Amino acid sequence: MSGYQFPTPWPRAGLPRNLYVRPTVGAAVSPPRAFLVLLGIAFLVAAVVIASFDRLLGLGAFIVGAFLLVLPFLAIHEDG
């Protein structure tokens, strides 16, 4: 034989896969994490508006918005 392998429904690990279930492309974002990201973006937009009136309050809103935007990505992910 010339080294040709017939296609199989099994992955390379050798375990059969469920052909009736679509493989997941990526993990979905949980609603609380999505809410924190949206809240962070809202604070960043508000910071730009506030900064046109008062620089110190604008900077404070920017720091809070940046923290809320980064917070969901700092959490420990459970692999289970």
N, C-alpha and C. Protein backbone atom coordinates (compact mmCIF):
# COMPACT_ATOMS: atom_id res chain seq x y z
N MET A 1 0.84 -1.19 0.00
CA MET A 1 0.00 0.00 0.00
C MET A 1 0.88 1.24 0.00
N SER A 2 0.34 2.30 -0.48
CA SER A 2 1.11 3.53 -0.62
C SER A 2 0.97 4.45 0.60
N GLY A 3 0.48 3.98 1.71
CA GLY A 3 0.35 4.80 2.91
C GLY A 3 -0.97 5.55 3.00
N TYR A 4 -1.91 5.24 2.12
CA TYR A 4 -3.20 5.92 2.17
C TYR A 4 -4.01 5.39 3.34
N GLN A 5 -4.64 6.29 4.10
CA GLN A 5 -5.51 5.88 5.20
C GLN A 5 -6.93 6.31 4.86
N PHE A 6 -7.86 5.41 5.06
CA PHE A 6 -9.25 5.72 4.81
C PHE A 6 -9.75 6.68 5.88
N PRO A 7 -10.61 7.64 5.52
CA PRO A 7 -11.14 8.56 6.52
C PRO A 7 -12.02 7.82 7.52
N THR A 8 -11.87 8.14 8.76
CA THR A 8 -12.64 7.51 9.83
C THR A 8 -13.42 8.58 10.60
N PRO A 9 -14.50 8.20 11.25
CA PRO A 9 -15.25 9.17 12.06
C PRO A 9 -14.60 9.41 13.42
N TRP A 10 -13.47 8.79 13.71
CA TRP A 10 -12.83 8.93 15.00
C TRP A 10 -11.70 9.95 14.94
N PRO A 11 -11.55 10.74 16.01
CA PRO A 11 -10.43 11.67 16.03
C PRO A 11 -9.10 10.92 16.21
N ARG A 12 -8.02 11.64 16.13
CA ARG A 12 -6.70 11.01 16.21
C ARG A 12 -6.45 10.34 17.54
N ALA A 13 -7.14 10.72 18.60
CA ALA A 13 -6.93 10.12 19.91
C ALA A 13 -7.42 8.68 19.94
N GLY A 14 -8.20 8.28 18.96
CA GLY A 14 -8.67 6.91 18.89
C GLY A 14 -10.03 6.68 19.54
N LEU A 15 -10.59 7.70 20.16
CA LEU A 15 -11.89 7.55 20.81
C LEU A 15 -12.99 7.93 19.84
N PRO A 16 -14.08 7.19 19.82
CA PRO A 16 -15.17 7.55 18.91
C PRO A 16 -15.83 8.85 19.36
N ARG A 17 -16.27 9.65 18.40
CA ARG A 17 -16.95 10.90 18.73
C ARG A 17 -18.43 10.76 18.42
N ASN A 18 -19.21 11.58 19.05
CA ASN A 18 -20.65 11.58 18.83
C ASN A 18 -20.95 12.33 17.54
N LEU A 19 -21.40 11.63 16.52
CA LEU A 19 -21.65 12.24 15.23
C LEU A 19 -22.95 13.03 15.17
N TYR A 20 -23.80 12.89 16.21
CA TYR A 20 -25.09 13.56 16.21
C TYR A 20 -25.06 14.90 16.92
N VAL A 21 -23.94 15.24 17.54
CA VAL A 21 -23.82 16.51 18.26
C VAL A 21 -22.77 17.36 17.57
N ARG A 22 -23.12 18.60 17.32
CA ARG A 22 -22.18 19.52 16.68
C ARG A 22 -21.02 19.82 17.62
N PRO A 23 -19.80 19.81 17.15
CA PRO A 23 -18.69 20.18 18.02
C PRO A 23 -18.75 21.66 18.36
N THR A 24 -18.42 22.00 19.60
CA THR A 24 -18.47 23.38 20.02
C THR A 24 -17.25 24.12 19.49
N VAL A 25 -17.49 25.28 18.96
CA VAL A 25 -16.40 26.08 18.41
C VAL A 25 -15.67 26.80 19.52
N GLY A 26 -16.40 27.38 20.44
CA GLY A 26 -15.79 28.12 21.54
C GLY A 26 -16.74 28.15 22.72
N ALA A 27 -16.20 28.49 23.84
CA ALA A 27 -17.03 28.56 25.05
C ALA A 27 -17.86 29.84 25.01
N ALA A 28 -19.10 29.74 25.40
CA ALA A 28 -19.97 30.90 25.45
C ALA A 28 -19.61 31.76 26.66
N VAL A 29 -19.84 33.04 26.55
CA VAL A 29 -19.56 33.95 27.65
C VAL A 29 -20.76 33.93 28.59
N SER A 30 -20.48 33.79 29.89
CA SER A 30 -21.58 33.76 30.85
C SER A 30 -22.21 35.15 30.94
N PRO A 31 -23.49 35.21 31.26
CA PRO A 31 -24.18 36.51 31.31
C PRO A 31 -23.57 37.52 32.29
N PRO A 32 -23.12 37.11 33.49
CA PRO A 32 -22.50 38.12 34.37
C PRO A 32 -21.22 38.72 33.78
N ARG A 33 -20.44 37.89 33.09
CA ARG A 33 -19.21 38.42 32.48
C ARG A 33 -19.54 39.37 31.35
N ALA A 34 -20.52 39.03 30.54
CA ALA A 34 -20.92 39.92 29.45
C ALA A 34 -21.46 41.23 30.00
N PHE A 35 -22.19 41.16 31.10
CA PHE A 35 -22.73 42.37 31.73
C PHE A 35 -21.60 43.27 32.22
N LEU A 36 -20.56 42.69 32.83
CA LEU A 36 -19.44 43.49 33.31
C LEU A 36 -18.69 44.15 32.15
N VAL A 37 -18.54 43.43 31.04
CA VAL A 37 -17.88 44.02 29.87
C VAL A 37 -18.70 45.20 29.34
N LEU A 38 -20.01 45.02 29.23
CA LEU A 38 -20.86 46.11 28.74
C LEU A 38 -20.88 47.29 29.70
N LEU A 39 -20.87 47.01 31.00
CA LEU A 39 -20.84 48.08 31.99
C LEU A 39 -19.51 48.84 31.93
N GLY A 40 -18.42 48.11 31.70
CA GLY A 40 -17.12 48.75 31.56
C GLY A 40 -17.07 49.65 30.34
N ILE A 41 -17.63 49.19 29.23
CA ILE A 41 -17.66 50.02 28.01
C ILE A 41 -18.52 51.26 28.25
N ALA A 42 -19.64 51.11 28.97
CA ALA A 42 -20.50 52.26 29.27
C ALA A 42 -19.75 53.27 30.13
N PHE A 43 -18.98 52.80 31.10
CA PHE A 43 -18.21 53.72 31.94
C PHE A 43 -17.12 54.42 31.13
N LEU A 44 -16.51 53.72 30.18
CA LEU A 44 -15.48 54.35 29.35
C LEU A 44 -16.08 55.43 28.46
N VAL A 45 -17.24 55.18 27.92
CA VAL A 45 -17.91 56.19 27.09
C VAL A 45 -18.32 57.38 27.95
N ALA A 46 -18.84 57.08 29.15
CA ALA A 46 -19.22 58.16 30.07
C ALA A 46 -18.01 58.96 30.51
N ALA A 47 -16.87 58.29 30.64
CA ALA A 47 -15.65 58.98 31.06
C ALA A 47 -15.23 60.02 30.03
N VAL A 48 -15.40 59.73 28.77
CA VAL A 48 -15.05 60.70 27.73
C VAL A 48 -15.96 61.92 27.83
N VAL A 49 -17.24 61.69 28.07
CA VAL A 49 -18.19 62.80 28.18
C VAL A 49 -17.91 63.61 29.45
N ILE A 50 -17.67 62.93 30.56
CA ILE A 50 -17.41 63.61 31.83
C ILE A 50 -16.10 64.38 31.78
N ALA A 51 -15.11 63.83 31.07
CA ALA A 51 -13.80 64.49 31.00
C ALA A 51 -13.88 65.84 30.29
N SER A 52 -14.88 66.05 29.47
CA SER A 52 -15.01 67.36 28.82
C SER A 52 -15.45 68.43 29.82
N PHE A 53 -16.05 68.04 30.96
CA PHE A 53 -16.46 68.98 31.99
C PHE A 53 -15.45 69.04 33.13
N ASP A 54 -15.06 67.87 33.62
CA ASP A 54 -14.15 67.81 34.78
C ASP A 54 -13.14 66.69 34.55
N ARG A 55 -11.88 67.05 34.49
CA ARG A 55 -10.83 66.07 34.18
C ARG A 55 -10.71 65.00 35.27
N LEU A 56 -10.79 65.39 36.53
CA LEU A 56 -10.60 64.44 37.62
C LEU A 56 -11.72 63.40 37.67
N LEU A 57 -12.95 63.84 37.52
CA LEU A 57 -14.07 62.89 37.49
C LEU A 57 -14.00 61.99 36.25
N GLY A 58 -13.58 62.57 35.14
CA GLY A 58 -13.42 61.78 33.91
C GLY A 58 -12.36 60.70 34.09
N LEU A 59 -11.24 61.06 34.73
CA LEU A 59 -10.20 60.08 34.99
C LEU A 59 -10.70 58.98 35.92
N GLY A 60 -11.47 59.36 36.93
CA GLY A 60 -12.03 58.36 37.84
C GLY A 60 -12.98 57.40 37.13
N ALA A 61 -13.84 57.93 36.28
CA ALA A 61 -14.76 57.08 35.53
C ALA A 61 -14.00 56.19 34.56
N PHE A 62 -12.91 56.71 33.99
CA PHE A 62 -12.09 55.91 33.09
C PHE A 62 -11.44 54.74 33.82
N ILE A 63 -10.93 54.98 35.02
CA ILE A 63 -10.30 53.91 35.80
C ILE A 63 -11.32 52.84 36.19
N VAL A 64 -12.51 53.28 36.61
CA VAL A 64 -13.55 52.31 36.97
C VAL A 64 -13.99 51.51 35.74
N GLY A 65 -14.15 52.18 34.61
CA GLY A 65 -14.54 51.48 33.38
C GLY A 65 -13.49 50.50 32.91
N ALA A 66 -12.22 50.89 33.00
CA ALA A 66 -11.14 49.97 32.60
C ALA A 66 -11.10 48.76 33.52
N PHE A 67 -11.31 48.97 34.81
CA PHE A 67 -11.33 47.84 35.74
C PHE A 67 -12.49 46.90 35.44
N LEU A 68 -13.68 47.44 35.19
CA LEU A 68 -14.84 46.59 34.89
C LEU A 68 -14.67 45.87 33.57
N LEU A 69 -13.97 46.49 32.62
CA LEU A 69 -13.76 45.86 31.32
C LEU A 69 -12.78 44.71 31.41
N VAL A 70 -11.77 44.83 32.25
CA VAL A 70 -10.73 43.80 32.37
C VAL A 70 -11.12 42.71 33.36
N LEU A 71 -11.97 43.02 34.31
CA LEU A 71 -12.32 42.08 35.39
C LEU A 71 -12.80 40.71 34.92
N PRO A 72 -13.68 40.59 33.93
CA PRO A 72 -14.14 39.25 33.51
C PRO A 72 -13.02 38.38 32.95
N PHE A 73 -11.98 38.98 32.42
CA PHE A 73 -10.90 38.20 31.84
C PHE A 73 -9.86 37.79 32.87
N LEU A 74 -9.93 38.33 34.07
CA LEU A 74 -8.99 37.98 35.13
C LEU A 74 -9.47 36.83 35.99
N ALA A 75 -10.73 36.45 35.86
CA ALA A 75 -11.30 35.39 36.69
C ALA A 75 -10.71 34.03 36.31
N ILE A 76 -10.66 33.16 37.28
CA ILE A 76 -10.14 31.81 37.06
C ILE A 76 -11.21 31.02 36.29
N HIS A 77 -10.78 30.37 35.21
CA HIS A 77 -11.70 29.58 34.40
C HIS A 77 -11.70 28.14 34.92
N GLU A 78 -12.89 27.61 35.14
CA GLU A 78 -13.06 26.23 35.58
C GLU A 78 -13.06 25.34 34.36
N ASP A 79 -12.22 24.35 34.32
CA ASP A 79 -12.20 23.40 33.22
C ASP A 79 -12.96 22.15 33.64
N GLY A 80 -14.25 22.22 33.52
CA GLY A 80 -14.98 21.06 33.96
C GLY A 80 -16.32 21.05 33.46
